[in-house]
PDB file of all heavy atoms in Angstrom:
ATOM      1  N   ASN A   1      43.291 113.560 126.086  1.00  0.00           N
ATOM      2  CA  ASN A   1      44.539 113.039 126.653  1.00  0.00           C
ATOM      3  C   ASN A   1      45.003 111.843 125.827  1.00  0.00           C
ATOM      4  O   ASN A   1      44.200 110.956 125.508  1.00  0.00           O
ATOM      5  CB  ASN A   1      44.326 112.612 128.106  1.00  0.00           C
ATOM      6  CG  ASN A   1      44.009 113.782 129.007  1.00  0.00           C
ATOM      7  OD1 ASN A   1      44.777 114.735 129.093  1.00  0.00           O
ATOM      8  ND2 ASN A   1      42.851 113.721 129.679  1.00  0.00           N
ATOM      9  N   LEU A   2      46.286 111.814 125.492  1.00  0.00           N
ATOM     10  CA  LEU A   2      46.800 110.782 124.613  1.00  0.00           C
ATOM     11  C   LEU A   2      47.756 109.844 125.336  1.00  0.00           C
ATOM     12  O   LEU A   2      48.570 110.280 126.160  1.00  0.00           O
ATOM     13  CB  LEU A   2      47.545 111.406 123.425  1.00  0.00           C
ATOM     14  CG  LEU A   2      46.776 112.366 122.529  1.00  0.00           C
ATOM     15  CD1 LEU A   2      47.678 112.844 121.394  1.00  0.00           C
ATOM     16  CD2 LEU A   2      45.507 111.732 121.976  1.00  0.00           C
ATOM     17  N   TYR A   3      47.672 108.581 124.984  1.00  0.00           N
ATOM     18  CA  TYR A   3      48.616 107.553 125.430  1.00  0.00           C
ATOM     19  C   TYR A   3      49.316 107.023 124.198  1.00  0.00           C
ATOM     20  O   TYR A   3      48.686 106.526 123.264  1.00  0.00           O
ATOM     21  CB  TYR A   3      47.854 106.436 126.144  1.00  0.00           C
ATOM     22  CG  TYR A   3      48.651 105.183 126.421  1.00  0.00           C
ATOM     23  CD1 TYR A   3      49.770 105.217 127.259  1.00  0.00           C
ATOM     24  CD2 TYR A   3      48.272 103.958 125.874  1.00  0.00           C
ATOM     25  CE1 TYR A   3      50.500 104.053 127.523  1.00  0.00           C
ATOM     26  CE2 TYR A   3      48.990 102.789 126.144  1.00  0.00           C
ATOM     27  CZ  TYR A   3      50.098 102.849 126.963  1.00  0.00           C
ATOM     28  OH  TYR A   3      50.814 101.707 127.230  1.00  0.00           O
ATOM     29  N   THR A   4      50.621 107.175 124.153  1.00  0.00           N
ATOM     30  CA  THR A   4      51.378 106.779 122.966  1.00  0.00           C
ATOM     31  C   THR A   4      51.923 105.359 123.062  1.00  0.00           C
ATOM     32  O   THR A   4      52.384 104.815 122.054  1.00  0.00           O
ATOM     33  CB  THR A   4      52.544 107.750 122.723  1.00  0.00           C
ATOM     34  OG1 THR A   4      53.354 107.813 123.900  1.00  0.00           O
ATOM     35  CG2 THR A   4      52.038 109.147 122.384  1.00  0.00           C
ATOM     36  N   GLY A   5      51.942 104.765 124.261  1.00  0.00           N
ATOM     37  CA  GLY A   5      52.489 103.427 124.412  1.00  0.00           C
ATOM     38  C   GLY A   5      53.978 103.398 124.116  1.00  0.00           C
ATOM     39  O   GLY A   5      54.684 104.382 124.347  1.00  0.00           O
ATOM     40  N   PRO A   6      54.488 102.279 123.578  1.00  0.00           N
ATOM     41  CA  PRO A   6      55.931 102.188 123.348  1.00  0.00           C
ATOM     42  C   PRO A   6      56.428 103.060 122.191  1.00  0.00           C
ATOM     43  O   PRO A   6      57.607 103.340 122.082  1.00  0.00           O
ATOM     44  CB  PRO A   6      56.132 100.699 123.025  1.00  0.00           C
ATOM     45  CG  PRO A   6      54.810 100.253 122.501  1.00  0.00           C
ATOM     46  CD  PRO A   6      53.786 101.026 123.254  1.00  0.00           C
ATOM     47  N   ASN A   7      55.509 103.508 121.329  1.00  0.00           N
ATOM     48  CA  ASN A   7      55.906 104.284 120.157  1.00  0.00           C
ATOM     49  C   ASN A   7      55.598 105.769 120.329  1.00  0.00           C
ATOM     50  O   ASN A   7      54.802 106.347 119.592  1.00  0.00           O
ATOM     51  CB  ASN A   7      55.224 103.736 118.903  1.00  0.00           C
ATOM     52  CG  ASN A   7      55.779 102.397 118.493  1.00  0.00           C
ATOM     53  OD1 ASN A   7      55.221 101.361 118.817  1.00  0.00           O
ATOM     54  ND2 ASN A   7      56.904 102.410 117.801  1.00  0.00           N
ATOM     55  N   THR A   8      56.253 106.368 121.301  1.00  0.00           N
ATOM     56  CA  THR A   8      56.107 107.813 121.474  1.00  0.00           C
ATOM     57  C   THR A   8      56.895 108.538 120.385  1.00  0.00           C
ATOM     58  O   THR A   8      56.385 109.438 119.724  1.00  0.00           O
ATOM     59  CB  THR A   8      56.597 108.250 122.865  1.00  0.00           C
ATOM     60  OG1 THR A   8      55.842 107.534 123.857  1.00  0.00           O
ATOM     61  CG2 THR A   8      56.407 109.741 123.067  1.00  0.00           C
ATOM     62  N   GLU A   9      58.145 108.156 120.189  1.00  0.00           N
ATOM     63  CA  GLU A   9      59.006 108.648 119.117  1.00  0.00           C
ATOM     64  C   GLU A   9      59.070 110.178 119.053  1.00  0.00           C
ATOM     65  O   GLU A   9      59.504 110.839 119.976  1.00  0.00           O
ATOM     66  CB  GLU A   9      58.573 108.048 117.786  1.00  0.00           C
ATOM     67  CG  GLU A   9      58.757 106.540 117.722  1.00  0.00           C
ATOM     68  CD  GLU A   9      58.675 106.022 116.320  1.00  0.00           C
ATOM     69  OE1 GLU A   9      59.526 106.379 115.512  1.00  0.00           O
ATOM     70  OE2 GLU A   9      57.747 105.234 116.038  1.00  0.00           O
ATOM     71  N   ASP A  10      58.567 110.764 117.946  1.00  0.00           N
ATOM     72  CA  ASP A  10      58.690 112.205 117.723  1.00  0.00           C
ATOM     73  C   ASP A  10      57.562 113.010 118.368  1.00  0.00           C
ATOM     74  O   ASP A  10      57.601 114.247 118.360  1.00  0.00           O
ATOM     75  CB  ASP A  10      58.651 112.517 116.216  1.00  0.00           C
ATOM     76  CG  ASP A  10      59.760 111.855 115.432  1.00  0.00           C
ATOM     77  OD1 ASP A  10      60.447 110.986 116.000  1.00  0.00           O
ATOM     78  OD2 ASP A  10      59.929 112.188 114.253  1.00  0.00           O
ATOM     79  N   THR A  11      56.546 112.337 118.901  1.00  0.00           N
ATOM     80  CA  THR A  11      55.330 113.014 119.350  1.00  0.00           C
ATOM     81  C   THR A  11      55.581 114.171 120.319  1.00  0.00           C
ATOM     82  O   THR A  11      54.984 115.241 120.156  1.00  0.00           O
ATOM     83  CB  THR A  11      54.350 112.002 119.975  1.00  0.00           C
ATOM     84  OG1 THR A  11      54.189 110.890 119.094  1.00  0.00           O
ATOM     85  CG2 THR A  11      53.006 112.644 120.238  1.00  0.00           C
ATOM     86  N   PRO A  12      56.437 114.028 121.343  1.00  0.00           N
ATOM     87  CA  PRO A  12      56.617 115.153 122.272  1.00  0.00           C
ATOM     88  C   PRO A  12      57.125 116.430 121.604  1.00  0.00           C
ATOM     89  O   PRO A  12      56.629 117.530 121.884  1.00  0.00           O
ATOM     90  CB  PRO A  12      57.632 114.618 123.288  1.00  0.00           C
ATOM     91  CG  PRO A  12      57.471 113.131 123.233  1.00  0.00           C
ATOM     92  CD  PRO A  12      57.175 112.832 121.806  1.00  0.00           C
ATOM     93  N   ALA A  13      58.083 116.291 120.701  1.00  0.00           N
ATOM     94  CA  ALA A  13      58.625 117.475 120.026  1.00  0.00           C
ATOM     95  C   ALA A  13      57.578 118.109 119.122  1.00  0.00           C
ATOM     96  O   ALA A  13      57.400 119.336 119.112  1.00  0.00           O
ATOM     97  CB  ALA A  13      59.864 117.107 119.222  1.00  0.00           C
ATOM     98  N   VAL A  14      56.879 117.277 118.362  1.00  0.00           N
ATOM     99  CA  VAL A  14      55.856 117.798 117.445  1.00  0.00           C
ATOM    100  C   VAL A  14      54.736 118.475 118.216  1.00  0.00           C
ATOM    101  O   VAL A  14      54.317 119.599 117.895  1.00  0.00           O
ATOM    102  CB  VAL A  14      55.291 116.656 116.574  1.00  0.00           C
ATOM    103  CG1 VAL A  14      54.123 117.146 115.729  1.00  0.00           C
ATOM    104  CG2 VAL A  14      56.376 116.063 115.693  1.00  0.00           C
ATOM    105  N   ALA A  15      54.252 117.803 119.261  1.00  0.00           N
ATOM    106  CA  ALA A  15      53.100 118.319 120.010  1.00  0.00           C
ATOM    107  C   ALA A  15      53.437 119.604 120.752  1.00  0.00           C
ATOM    108  O   ALA A  15      52.661 120.571 120.717  1.00  0.00           O
ATOM    109  CB  ALA A  15      52.604 117.257 120.991  1.00  0.00           C
ATOM    110  N   GLU A  16      54.593 119.635 121.403  1.00  0.00           N
ATOM    111  CA  GLU A  16      54.917 120.828 122.183  1.00  0.00           C
ATOM    112  C   GLU A  16      55.187 122.027 121.284  1.00  0.00           C
ATOM    113  O   GLU A  16      54.732 123.140 121.565  1.00  0.00           O
ATOM    114  CB  GLU A  16      56.117 120.558 123.092  1.00  0.00           C
ATOM    115  CG  GLU A  16      56.421 121.703 124.032  1.00  0.00           C
ATOM    116  CD  GLU A  16      57.095 121.265 125.313  1.00  0.00           C
ATOM    117  OE1 GLU A  16      56.941 120.089 125.686  1.00  0.00           O
ATOM    118  OE2 GLU A  16      57.757 122.103 125.938  1.00  0.00           O
ATOM    119  N   GLY A  17      55.919 121.809 120.200  1.00  0.00           N
ATOM    120  CA  GLY A  17      56.190 122.913 119.298  1.00  0.00           C
ATOM    121  C   GLY A  17      54.925 123.507 118.718  1.00  0.00           C
ATOM    122  O   GLY A  17      54.824 124.722 118.516  1.00  0.00           O
ATOM    123  N   THR A  18      53.942 122.645 118.442  1.00  0.00           N
ATOM    124  CA  THR A  18      52.686 123.112 117.853  1.00  0.00           C
ATOM    125  C   THR A  18      51.777 123.748 118.900  1.00  0.00           C
ATOM    126  O   THR A  18      51.272 124.857 118.702  1.00  0.00           O
ATOM    127  CB  THR A  18      51.957 121.931 117.184  1.00  0.00           C
ATOM    128  OG1 THR A  18      52.837 121.288 116.266  1.00  0.00           O
ATOM    129  CG2 THR A  18      50.710 122.409 116.449  1.00  0.00           C
ATOM    130  N   ALA A  19      51.580 123.052 120.022  1.00  0.00           N
ATOM    131  CA  ALA A  19      50.599 123.487 121.009  1.00  0.00           C
ATOM    132  C   ALA A  19      50.954 124.825 121.648  1.00  0.00           C
ATOM    133  O   ALA A  19      50.056 125.631 121.945  1.00  0.00           O
ATOM    134  CB  ALA A  19      50.451 122.418 122.091  1.00  0.00           C
ATOM    135  N   PHE A  20      52.245 125.068 121.859  1.00  0.00           N
ATOM    136  CA  PHE A  20      52.632 126.278 122.573  1.00  0.00           C
ATOM    137  C   PHE A  20      52.919 127.451 121.635  1.00  0.00           C
ATOM    138  O   PHE A  20      53.479 128.459 122.051  1.00  0.00           O
ATOM    139  CB  PHE A  20      53.813 125.991 123.498  1.00  0.00           C
ATOM    140  CG  PHE A  20      53.392 125.194 124.703  1.00  0.00           C
ATOM    141  CD1 PHE A  20      53.355 123.808 124.654  1.00  0.00           C
ATOM    142  CD2 PHE A  20      52.977 125.825 125.855  1.00  0.00           C
ATOM    143  CE1 PHE A  20      52.938 123.070 125.756  1.00  0.00           C
ATOM    144  CE2 PHE A  20      52.543 125.099 126.962  1.00  0.00           C
ATOM    145  CZ  PHE A  20      52.526 123.715 126.912  1.00  0.00           C
ATOM    146  N   LYS A  21      52.488 127.305 120.389  1.00  0.00           N
ATOM    147  CA  LYS A  21      52.514 128.422 119.454  1.00  0.00           C
ATOM    148  C   LYS A  21      51.146 128.543 118.797  1.00  0.00           C
ATOM    149  O   LYS A  21      51.004 128.904 117.646  1.00  0.00           O
ATOM    150  CB  LYS A  21      53.607 128.211 118.395  1.00  0.00           C
ATOM    151  CG  LYS A  21      54.087 129.491 117.732  1.00  0.00           C
ATOM    152  CD  LYS A  21      54.815 130.396 118.687  1.00  0.00           C
ATOM    153  CE  LYS A  21      55.422 131.570 117.923  1.00  0.00           C
ATOM    154  NZ  LYS A  21      56.144 132.480 118.834  1.00  0.00           N
ATOM    155  N   ASN A  22      50.113 128.214 119.584  1.00  0.00           N
ATOM    156  CA  ASN A  22      48.727 128.343 119.142  1.00  0.00           C
ATOM    157  C   ASN A  22      48.431 127.559 117.872  1.00  0.00           C
ATOM    158  O   ASN A  22      47.649 127.987 117.020  1.00  0.00           O
ATOM    159  CB  ASN A  22      48.358 129.824 118.940  1.00  0.00           C
ATOM    160  CG  ASN A  22      48.115 130.539 120.246  1.00  0.00           C
ATOM    161  OD1 ASN A  22      47.186 130.213 120.974  1.00  0.00           O
ATOM    162  ND2 ASN A  22      48.971 131.495 120.565  1.00  0.00           N
ATOM    163  N   GLY A  23      49.079 126.404 117.734  1.00  0.00           N
ATOM    164  CA  GLY A  23      48.813 125.554 116.588  1.00  0.00           C
ATOM    165  C   GLY A  23      47.690 124.576 116.861  1.00  0.00           C
ATOM    166  O   GLY A  23      47.151 124.494 117.975  1.00  0.00           O
ATOM    167  N   ILE A  24      47.337 123.831 115.831  1.00  0.00           N
ATOM    168  CA  ILE A  24      46.245 122.864 115.913  1.00  0.00           C
ATOM    169  C   ILE A  24      46.831 121.459 115.825  1.00  0.00           C
ATOM    170  O   ILE A  24      47.616 121.159 114.926  1.00  0.00           O
ATOM    171  CB  ILE A  24      45.227 123.087 114.780  1.00  0.00           C
ATOM    172  CG1 ILE A  24      44.479 124.404 115.014  1.00  0.00           C
ATOM    173  CG2 ILE A  24      44.255 121.915 114.664  1.00  0.00           C
ATOM    174  CD1 ILE A  24      43.549 124.795 113.897  1.00  0.00           C
ATOM    175  N   ILE A  25      46.448 120.604 116.783  1.00  0.00           N
ATOM    176  CA  ILE A  25      46.909 119.212 116.807  1.00  0.00           C
ATOM    177  C   ILE A  25      45.708 118.295 116.612  1.00  0.00           C
ATOM    178  O   ILE A  25      44.722 118.374 117.349  1.00  0.00           O
ATOM    179  CB  ILE A  25      47.605 118.875 118.137  1.00  0.00           C
ATOM    180  CG1 ILE A  25      48.884 119.690 118.305  1.00  0.00           C
ATOM    181  CG2 ILE A  25      47.920 117.385 118.208  1.00  0.00           C
ATOM    182  CD1 ILE A  25      49.588 119.468 119.628  1.00  0.00           C
ATOM    183  N   ILE A  26      45.812 117.439 115.603  1.00  0.00           N
ATOM    184  CA  ILE A  26      44.798 116.430 115.348  1.00  0.00           C
ATOM    185  C   ILE A  26      45.464 115.069 115.492  1.00  0.00           C
ATOM    186  O   ILE A  26      46.481 114.800 114.842  1.00  0.00           O
ATOM    187  CB  ILE A  26      44.198 116.578 113.939  1.00  0.00           C
ATOM    188  CG1 ILE A  26      43.624 117.987 113.755  1.00  0.00           C
ATOM    189  CG2 ILE A  26      43.119 115.522 113.692  1.00  0.00           C
ATOM    190  CD1 ILE A  26      43.214 118.295 112.325  1.00  0.00           C
ATOM    191  N   ALA A  27      44.921 114.239 116.350  1.00  0.00           N
ATOM    192  CA  ALA A  27      45.529 112.940 116.632  1.00  0.00           C
ATOM    193  C   ALA A  27      44.637 111.805 116.164  1.00  0.00           C
ATOM    194  O   ALA A  27      43.444 111.777 116.490  1.00  0.00           O
ATOM    195  CB  ALA A  27      45.805 112.796 118.129  1.00  0.00           C
ATOM    196  N   GLN A  28      45.212 110.898 115.380  1.00  0.00           N
ATOM    197  CA  GLN A  28      44.511 109.647 115.107  1.00  0.00           C
ATOM    198  C   GLN A  28      44.915 108.652 116.180  1.00  0.00           C
ATOM    199  O   GLN A  28      46.082 108.593 116.581  1.00  0.00           O
ATOM    200  CB  GLN A  28      44.824 109.109 113.720  1.00  0.00           C
ATOM    201  CG  GLN A  28      46.181 108.461 113.554  1.00  0.00           C
ATOM    202  CD  GLN A  28      46.331 107.728 112.229  1.00  0.00           C
ATOM    203  OE1 GLN A  28      46.492 108.345 111.188  1.00  0.00           O
ATOM    204  NE2 GLN A  28      46.294 106.395 112.284  1.00  0.00           N
ATOM    205  N   VAL A  29      43.952 107.885 116.672  1.00  0.00           N
ATOM    206  CA  VAL A  29      44.224 106.920 117.734  1.00  0.00           C
ATOM    207  C   VAL A  29      43.635 105.573 117.347  1.00  0.00           C
ATOM    208  O   VAL A  29      42.732 105.476 116.512  1.00  0.00           O
ATOM    209  CB  VAL A  29      43.639 107.395 119.091  1.00  0.00           C
ATOM    210  CG1 VAL A  29      44.300 108.693 119.525  1.00  0.00           C
ATOM    211  CG2 VAL A  29      42.127 107.572 119.014  1.00  0.00           C
ATOM    212  N   ASN A  30      44.159 104.543 117.976  1.00  0.00           N
ATOM    213  CA  ASN A  30      43.648 103.194 117.724  1.00  0.00           C
ATOM    214  C   ASN A  30      42.343 102.942 118.458  1.00  0.00           C
ATOM    215  O   ASN A  30      41.525 102.127 118.030  1.00  0.00           O
ATOM    216  CB  ASN A  30      44.676 102.148 118.133  1.00  0.00           C
ATOM    217  CG  ASN A  30      45.948 102.246 117.312  1.00  0.00           C
ATOM    218  OD1 ASN A  30      45.961 102.821 116.219  1.00  0.00           O
ATOM    219  ND2 ASN A  30      47.033 101.712 117.846  1.00  0.00           N
ATOM    220  N   GLU A  31      42.184 103.644 119.573  1.00  0.00           N
ATOM    221  CA  GLU A  31      40.957 103.459 120.354  1.00  0.00           C
ATOM    222  C   GLU A  31      40.702 104.679 121.225  1.00  0.00           C
ATOM    223  O   GLU A  31      41.629 105.394 121.615  1.00  0.00           O
ATOM    224  CB  GLU A  31      41.062 102.211 121.234  1.00  0.00           C
ATOM    225  CG  GLU A  31      42.251 102.230 122.180  1.00  0.00           C
ATOM    226  CD  GLU A  31      42.388 100.968 123.013  1.00  0.00           C
ATOM    227  OE1 GLU A  31      41.461 100.134 122.975  1.00  0.00           O
ATOM    228  OE2 GLU A  31      43.401 100.838 123.713  1.00  0.00           O
ATOM    229  N   ILE A  32      39.413 104.914 121.501  1.00  0.00           N
ATOM    230  CA  ILE A  32      39.016 105.955 122.450  1.00  0.00           C
ATOM    231  C   ILE A  32      38.496 105.244 123.689  1.00  0.00           C
ATOM    232  O   ILE A  32      37.607 104.393 123.612  1.00  0.00           O
ATOM    233  CB  ILE A  32      37.957 106.886 121.839  1.00  0.00           C
ATOM    234  CG1 ILE A  32      38.575 107.660 120.667  1.00  0.00           C
ATOM    235  CG2 ILE A  32      37.425 107.852 122.891  1.00  0.00           C
ATOM    236  CD1 ILE A  32      37.598 108.560 119.931  1.00  0.00           C
ATOM    237  N   VAL A  33      39.092 105.582 124.832  1.00  0.00           N
ATOM    238  CA  VAL A  33      38.816 104.864 126.084  1.00  0.00           C
ATOM    239  C   VAL A  33      38.345 105.844 127.151  1.00  0.00           C
ATOM    240  O   VAL A  33      38.442 107.068 126.997  1.00  0.00           O
ATOM    241  CB  VAL A  33      40.082 104.127 126.569  1.00  0.00           C
ATOM    242  CG1 VAL A  33      40.497 103.065 125.560  1.00  0.00           C
ATOM    243  CG2 VAL A  33      41.224 105.108 126.802  1.00  0.00           C
ATOM    244  N   ASP A  34      37.826 105.304 128.241  1.00  0.00           N
ATOM    245  CA  ASP A  34      37.397 106.163 129.344  1.00  0.00           C
ATOM    246  C   ASP A  34      38.600 106.793 130.047  1.00  0.00           C
ATOM    247  O   ASP A  34      38.585 107.983 130.378  1.00  0.00           O
ATOM    248  CB  ASP A  34      36.569 105.356 130.358  1.00  0.00           C
ATOM    249  CG  ASP A  34      35.233 104.909 129.772  1.00  0.00           C
ATOM    250  OD1 ASP A  34      34.728 105.607 128.864  1.00  0.00           O
ATOM    251  OD2 ASP A  34      34.725 103.869 130.201  1.00  0.00           O
ATOM    252  N   THR A  35      39.637 105.987 130.281  1.00  0.00           N
ATOM    253  CA  THR A  35      40.835 106.480 130.967  1.00  0.00           C
ATOM    254  C   THR A  35      42.068 105.903 130.288  1.00  0.00           C
ATOM    255  O   THR A  35      42.164 104.680 130.115  1.00  0.00           O
ATOM    256  CB  THR A  35      40.835 106.048 132.453  1.00  0.00           C
ATOM    257  OG1 THR A  35      39.636 106.504 133.070  1.00  0.00           O
ATOM    258  CG2 THR A  35      42.030 106.658 133.184  1.00  0.00           C
ATOM    259  N   VAL A  36      43.006 106.750 129.921  1.00  0.00           N
ATOM    260  CA  VAL A  36      44.237 106.260 129.280  1.00  0.00           C
ATOM    261  C   VAL A  36      45.176 105.706 130.349  1.00  0.00           C
ATOM    262  O   VAL A  36      45.164 106.167 131.498  1.00  0.00           O
ATOM    263  CB  VAL A  36      44.928 107.391 128.485  1.00  0.00           C
ATOM    264  CG1 VAL A  36      44.086 107.796 127.290  1.00  0.00           C
ATOM    265  CG2 VAL A  36      45.234 108.592 129.361  1.00  0.00           C
ATOM    266  N   PRO A  37      46.011 104.696 130.009  1.00  0.00           N
ATOM    267  CA  PRO A  37      46.916 104.084 130.991  1.00  0.00           C
ATOM    268  C   PRO A  37      47.911 105.075 131.595  1.00  0.00           C
ATOM    269  O   PRO A  37      48.282 104.956 132.764  1.00  0.00           O
ATOM    270  CB  PRO A  37      47.635 102.997 130.180  1.00  0.00           C
ATOM    271  CG  PRO A  37      46.723 102.704 129.041  1.00  0.00           C
ATOM    272  CD  PRO A  37      46.055 103.996 128.718  1.00  0.00           C
ATOM    273  N   ARG A  38      48.385 106.018 130.811  1.00  0.00           N
ATOM    274  CA  ARG A  38      49.221 107.105 131.291  1.00  0.00           C
ATOM    275  C   ARG A  38      49.051 108.262 130.301  1.00  0.00           C
ATOM    276  O   ARG A  38      48.735 108.045 129.128  1.00  0.00           O
ATOM    277  CB  ARG A  38      50.700 106.708 131.419  1.00  0.00           C
ATOM    278  CG  ARG A  38      51.409 106.440 130.101  1.00  0.00           C
ATOM    279  CD  ARG A  38      52.919 106.221 130.269  1.00  0.00           C
ATOM    280  NE  ARG A  38      53.579 106.227 128.969  1.00  0.00           N
ATOM    281  CZ  ARG A  38      54.117 105.171 128.372  1.00  0.00           C
ATOM    282  NH1 ARG A  38      54.105 104.010 128.985  1.00  0.00           N
ATOM    283  NH2 ARG A  38      54.683 105.283 127.174  1.00  0.00           N
ATOM    284  N   VAL A  39      49.255 109.465 130.754  1.00  0.00           N
ATOM    285  CA  VAL A  39      49.078 110.630 129.889  1.00  0.00           C
ATOM    286  C   VAL A  39      50.426 111.015 129.301  1.00  0.00           C
ATOM    287  O   VAL A  39      51.298 111.524 130.004  1.00  0.00           O
ATOM    288  CB  VAL A  39      48.470 111.820 130.658  1.00  0.00           C
ATOM    289  CG1 VAL A  39      48.382 113.051 129.743  1.00  0.00           C
ATOM    290  CG2 VAL A  39      47.090 111.460 131.189  1.00  0.00           C
ATOM    291  N   ASP A  40      50.601 110.776 128.003  1.00  0.00           N
ATOM    292  CA  ASP A  40      51.835 111.140 127.317  1.00  0.00           C
ATOM    293  C   ASP A  40      51.741 112.523 126.682  1.00  0.00           C
ATOM    294  O   ASP A  40      52.741 113.223 126.555  1.00  0.00           O
ATOM    295  CB  ASP A  40      52.178 110.101 126.248  1.00  0.00           C
ATOM    296  CG  ASP A  40      52.626 108.783 126.850  1.00  0.00           C
ATOM    297  OD1 ASP A  40      53.529 108.806 127.714  1.00  0.00           O
ATOM    298  OD2 ASP A  40      52.073 107.734 126.482  1.00  0.00           O
ATOM    299  N   VAL A  41      50.550 112.912 126.261  1.00  0.00           N
ATOM    300  CA  VAL A  41      50.288 114.265 125.754  1.00  0.00           C
ATOM    301  C   VAL A  41      49.008 114.752 126.404  1.00  0.00           C
ATOM    302  O   VAL A  41      47.952 114.133 126.237  1.00  0.00           O
ATOM    303  CB  VAL A  41      50.138 114.275 124.218  1.00  0.00           C
ATOM    304  CG1 VAL A  41      49.826 115.688 123.725  1.00  0.00           C
ATOM    305  CG2 VAL A  41      51.387 113.742 123.539  1.00  0.00           C
ATOM    306  N   PRO A  42      49.063 115.850 127.174  1.00  0.00           N
ATOM    307  CA  PRO A  42      47.857 116.342 127.866  1.00  0.00           C
ATOM    308  C   PRO A  42      46.774 116.778 126.889  1.00  0.00           C
ATOM    309  O   PRO A  42      47.062 117.321 125.803  1.00  0.00           O
ATOM    310  CB  PRO A  42      48.377 117.548 128.663  1.00  0.00           C
ATOM    311  CG  PRO A  42      49.858 117.365 128.744  1.00  0.00           C
ATOM    312  CD  PRO A  42      50.248 116.652 127.499  1.00  0.00           C
ATOM    313  N   GLY A  43      45.544 116.577 127.277  1.00  0.00           N
ATOM    314  CA  GLY A  43      44.418 116.875 126.411  1.00  0.00           C
ATOM    315  C   GLY A  43      44.277 118.342 126.053  1.00  0.00           C
ATOM    316  O   GLY A  43      43.746 118.668 124.980  1.00  0.00           O
ATOM    317  N   ASP A  44      44.733 119.242 126.925  1.00  0.00           N
ATOM    318  CA  ASP A  44      44.565 120.657 126.591  1.00  0.00           C
ATOM    319  C   ASP A  44      45.541 121.119 125.511  1.00  0.00           C
ATOM    320  O   ASP A  44      45.480 122.266 125.054  1.00  0.00           O
ATOM    321  CB  ASP A  44      44.674 121.542 127.842  1.00  0.00           C
ATOM    322  CG  ASP A  44      45.986 121.368 128.586  1.00  0.00           C
ATOM    323  OD1 ASP A  44      46.819 120.543 128.155  1.00  0.00           O
ATOM    324  OD2 ASP A  44      46.177 122.058 129.606  1.00  0.00           O
ATOM    325  N   TRP A  45      46.468 120.232 125.074  1.00  0.00           N
ATOM    326  CA  TRP A  45      47.312 120.531 123.921  1.00  0.00           C
ATOM    327  C   TRP A  45      46.639 120.104 122.613  1.00  0.00           C
ATOM    328  O   TRP A  45      47.032 120.558 121.545  1.00  0.00           O
ATOM    329  CB  TRP A  45      48.651 119.798 123.998  1.00  0.00           C
ATOM    330  CG  TRP A  45      49.523 120.132 125.167  1.00  0.00           C
ATOM    331  CD1 TRP A  45      49.212 120.854 126.277  1.00  0.00           C
ATOM    332  CD2 TRP A  45      50.877 119.716 125.337  1.00  0.00           C
ATOM    333  NE1 TRP A  45      50.272 120.921 127.134  1.00  0.00           N
ATOM    334  CE2 TRP A  45      51.310 120.235 126.577  1.00  0.00           C
ATOM    335  CE3 TRP A  45      51.748 118.965 124.562  1.00  0.00           C
ATOM    336  CZ2 TRP A  45      52.608 120.014 127.072  1.00  0.00           C
ATOM    337  CZ3 TRP A  45      53.033 118.747 125.039  1.00  0.00           C
ATOM    338  CH2 TRP A  45      53.461 119.271 126.282  1.00  0.00           C
ATOM    339  N   VAL A  46      45.661 119.206 122.720  1.00  0.00           N
ATOM    340  CA  VAL A  46      45.112 118.515 121.559  1.00  0.00           C
ATOM    341  C   VAL A  46      43.785 119.139 121.139  1.00  0.00           C
ATOM    342  O   VAL A  46      42.894 119.344 121.969  1.00  0.00           O
ATOM    343  CB  VAL A  46      44.924 117.018 121.864  1.00  0.00           C
ATOM    344  CG1 VAL A  46      44.343 116.271 120.666  1.00  0.00           C
ATOM    345  CG2 VAL A  46      46.256 116.398 122.279  1.00  0.00           C
ATOM    346  N   SER A  47      43.663 119.421 119.843  1.00  0.00           N
ATOM    347  CA  SER A  47      42.441 120.045 119.318  1.00  0.00           C
ATOM    348  C   SER A  47      41.375 118.999 119.010  1.00  0.00           C
ATOM    349  O   SER A  47      40.203 119.170 119.372  1.00  0.00           O
ATOM    350  CB  SER A  47      42.760 120.841 118.050  1.00  0.00           C
ATOM    351  OG  SER A  47      43.812 121.748 118.270  1.00  0.00           O
TER     352      SER A  47
END
């Protein structure tokens, strides 16, 4: 599950177009936490 914070920008379009056509999404993050503050991209979209 991803939290984009104030810089969501293009992420929703990129993630949805890729995830719902059996694509692979790799996300770099600043930190890995137990619980994200809000879910901006669901984890089942992310490889």
